[in-house]
Amino acid sequence: MEQLESLQRVNRQQRLAEWGRRVEACRNSGLTVVQWCQENGIAVSTYFSWQRKVFQALKEVQEVTFAEVPVMEASPFPGHVVASLEISGVQIQVYEGADTNTLQALLQAAKSC
């Protein structure tokens, strides 16, 4: 199942890249969208669908969330790890006694990974 999701993600990225190249070609052509679409045999509605999807994907990539997490000196006898999360190569470990605000900030930041 994980391989299928990975393959679907790669296919989506390839389609977005191709659509992005076409949108860029249209915008750099000096032609109106209608003229460019006619010359390239593409329906105007298809072009605008590509443009919308490309811009949405760019917006998602550009939205970055930061969470301020207080850094505490490591205790020689830390509490037990009660939760561990790894996203995009970043590992987060939550120790016994972590406060609610810190947990909420970590979870909010993790949602954007």
Protein backbone atom coordinates (compact mmCIF):
# COMPACT_ATOMS: atom_id res chain seq x y z
CA MET A 1 0.00 0.00 0.00
CA GLU A 2 2.84 2.38 0.86
CA GLN A 3 4.46 1.79 -2.56
CA LEU A 4 1.17 2.58 -4.30
CA GLU A 5 0.84 5.86 -2.40
CA SER A 6 4.45 6.70 -3.23
CA LEU A 7 3.87 5.96 -6.91
CA GLN A 8 0.70 8.07 -6.91
CA ARG A 9 2.59 10.94 -5.28
CA VAL A 10 5.34 10.74 -7.94
CA ASN A 11 2.76 10.64 -10.74
CA ARG A 12 0.99 13.68 -9.30
CA GLN A 13 4.29 15.57 -9.04
CA GLN A 14 5.15 14.70 -12.65
CA ARG A 15 1.74 15.88 -13.86
CA LEU A 16 2.07 19.11 -11.88
CA ALA A 17 5.55 19.69 -13.33
CA GLU A 18 4.27 19.16 -16.88
CA TRP A 19 1.26 21.41 -16.30
CA GLY A 20 3.59 24.02 -14.80
CA ARG A 21 5.79 23.93 -17.91
CA ARG A 22 2.74 24.41 -20.13
CA VAL A 23 1.35 27.26 -18.03
CA GLU A 24 4.76 28.92 -18.10
CA ALA A 25 5.03 28.43 -21.87
CA CYS A 26 1.65 30.07 -22.35
CA ARG A 27 2.49 32.99 -20.09
CA ASN A 28 5.85 33.53 -21.83
CA SER A 29 4.46 33.15 -25.37
CA GLY A 30 3.15 36.69 -25.73
CA LEU A 31 -0.17 35.23 -26.85
CA THR A 32 -3.50 35.37 -25.10
CA VAL A 33 -4.55 32.19 -23.33
CA VAL A 34 -7.17 31.58 -26.02
CA GLN A 35 -4.63 32.02 -28.84
CA TRP A 36 -2.03 29.80 -27.15
CA CYS A 37 -4.59 27.09 -26.45
CA GLN A 38 -5.80 27.14 -30.06
CA GLU A 39 -2.23 26.86 -31.37
CA ASN A 40 -1.50 23.96 -29.02
CA GLY A 41 -4.79 22.10 -29.39
CA ILE A 42 -5.75 22.51 -25.74
CA ALA A 43 -9.18 23.43 -24.41
CA VAL A 44 -9.14 26.76 -22.56
CA SER A 45 -10.94 25.12 -19.63
CA THR A 46 -8.18 22.48 -19.45
CA TYR A 47 -5.51 25.20 -19.37
CA PHE A 48 -7.22 27.02 -16.51
CA SER A 49 -7.67 23.73 -14.64
CA TRP A 50 -3.91 23.12 -14.93
CA GLN A 51 -3.15 26.67 -13.83
CA ARG A 52 -5.42 26.39 -10.79
CA LYS A 53 -3.84 23.07 -9.72
CA VAL A 54 -0.29 24.36 -10.24
CA PHE A 55 -0.94 27.55 -8.27
CA GLN A 56 -2.63 25.58 -5.47
CA ALA A 57 0.37 23.21 -5.26
CA LEU A 58 2.75 26.19 -5.12
CA LYS A 59 0.67 27.78 -2.39
CA GLU A 60 0.79 24.58 -0.33
CA VAL A 61 4.57 24.38 -0.69
CA GLN A 62 5.02 28.02 0.29
CA GLU A 63 2.88 27.82 3.42
CA VAL A 64 5.35 27.26 6.23
CA THR A 65 4.41 26.95 9.85
CA PHE A 66 6.85 27.66 12.62
CA ALA A 67 6.38 26.72 16.23
CA GLU A 68 8.49 28.12 19.01
CA VAL A 69 9.54 25.26 21.21
CA PRO A 70 11.41 26.07 24.38
CA VAL A 71 14.77 24.33 24.60
CA MET A 72 15.44 22.84 27.99
CA GLU A 73 18.71 21.54 29.23
CA ALA A 74 18.80 17.78 29.17
CA SER A 75 18.28 16.21 32.51
CA PRO A 76 20.73 13.47 33.47
CA PHE A 77 17.62 11.41 34.33
CA PRO A 78 14.98 12.27 31.72
CA GLY A 79 11.42 11.00 32.06
CA HIS A 80 10.08 8.21 29.93
CA VAL A 81 9.28 8.83 26.29
CA VAL A 82 5.48 8.77 26.05
CA ALA A 83 5.25 9.57 22.31
CA SER A 84 7.57 9.57 19.35
CA LEU A 85 6.89 10.95 15.88
CA GLU A 86 9.04 11.03 12.75
CA ILE A 87 8.09 13.20 9.77
CA SER A 88 10.31 14.01 6.81
CA GLY A 89 13.40 12.79 8.64
CA VAL A 90 12.71 14.87 11.74
CA GLN A 91 12.14 12.92 14.93
CA ILE A 92 10.13 14.37 17.79
CA GLN A 93 10.09 12.67 21.18
CA VAL A 94 7.70 13.75 23.87
CA TYR A 95 8.71 12.96 27.42
CA GLU A 96 6.55 12.36 30.43
CA GLY A 97 5.55 15.67 31.97
CA ALA A 98 5.54 17.73 28.75
CA ASP A 99 3.17 20.69 29.03
CA THR A 100 0.03 21.04 26.89
CA ASN A 101 1.15 24.21 25.07
CA THR A 102 4.35 22.58 23.89
CA LEU A 103 2.46 19.50 22.68
CA GLN A 104 -0.06 21.63 20.79
CA ALA A 105 2.73 23.64 19.13
CA LEU A 106 4.55 20.45 18.09
CA LEU A 107 1.40 18.88 16.66
CA GLN A 108 0.52 22.04 14.74
CA ALA A 109 4.02 22.20 13.27
CA ALA A 110 3.93 18.49 12.41
CA LYS A 111 0.67 18.97 10.46
CA SER A 112 2.52 21.14 7.96
CA CYS A 113 5.26 18.57 7.25
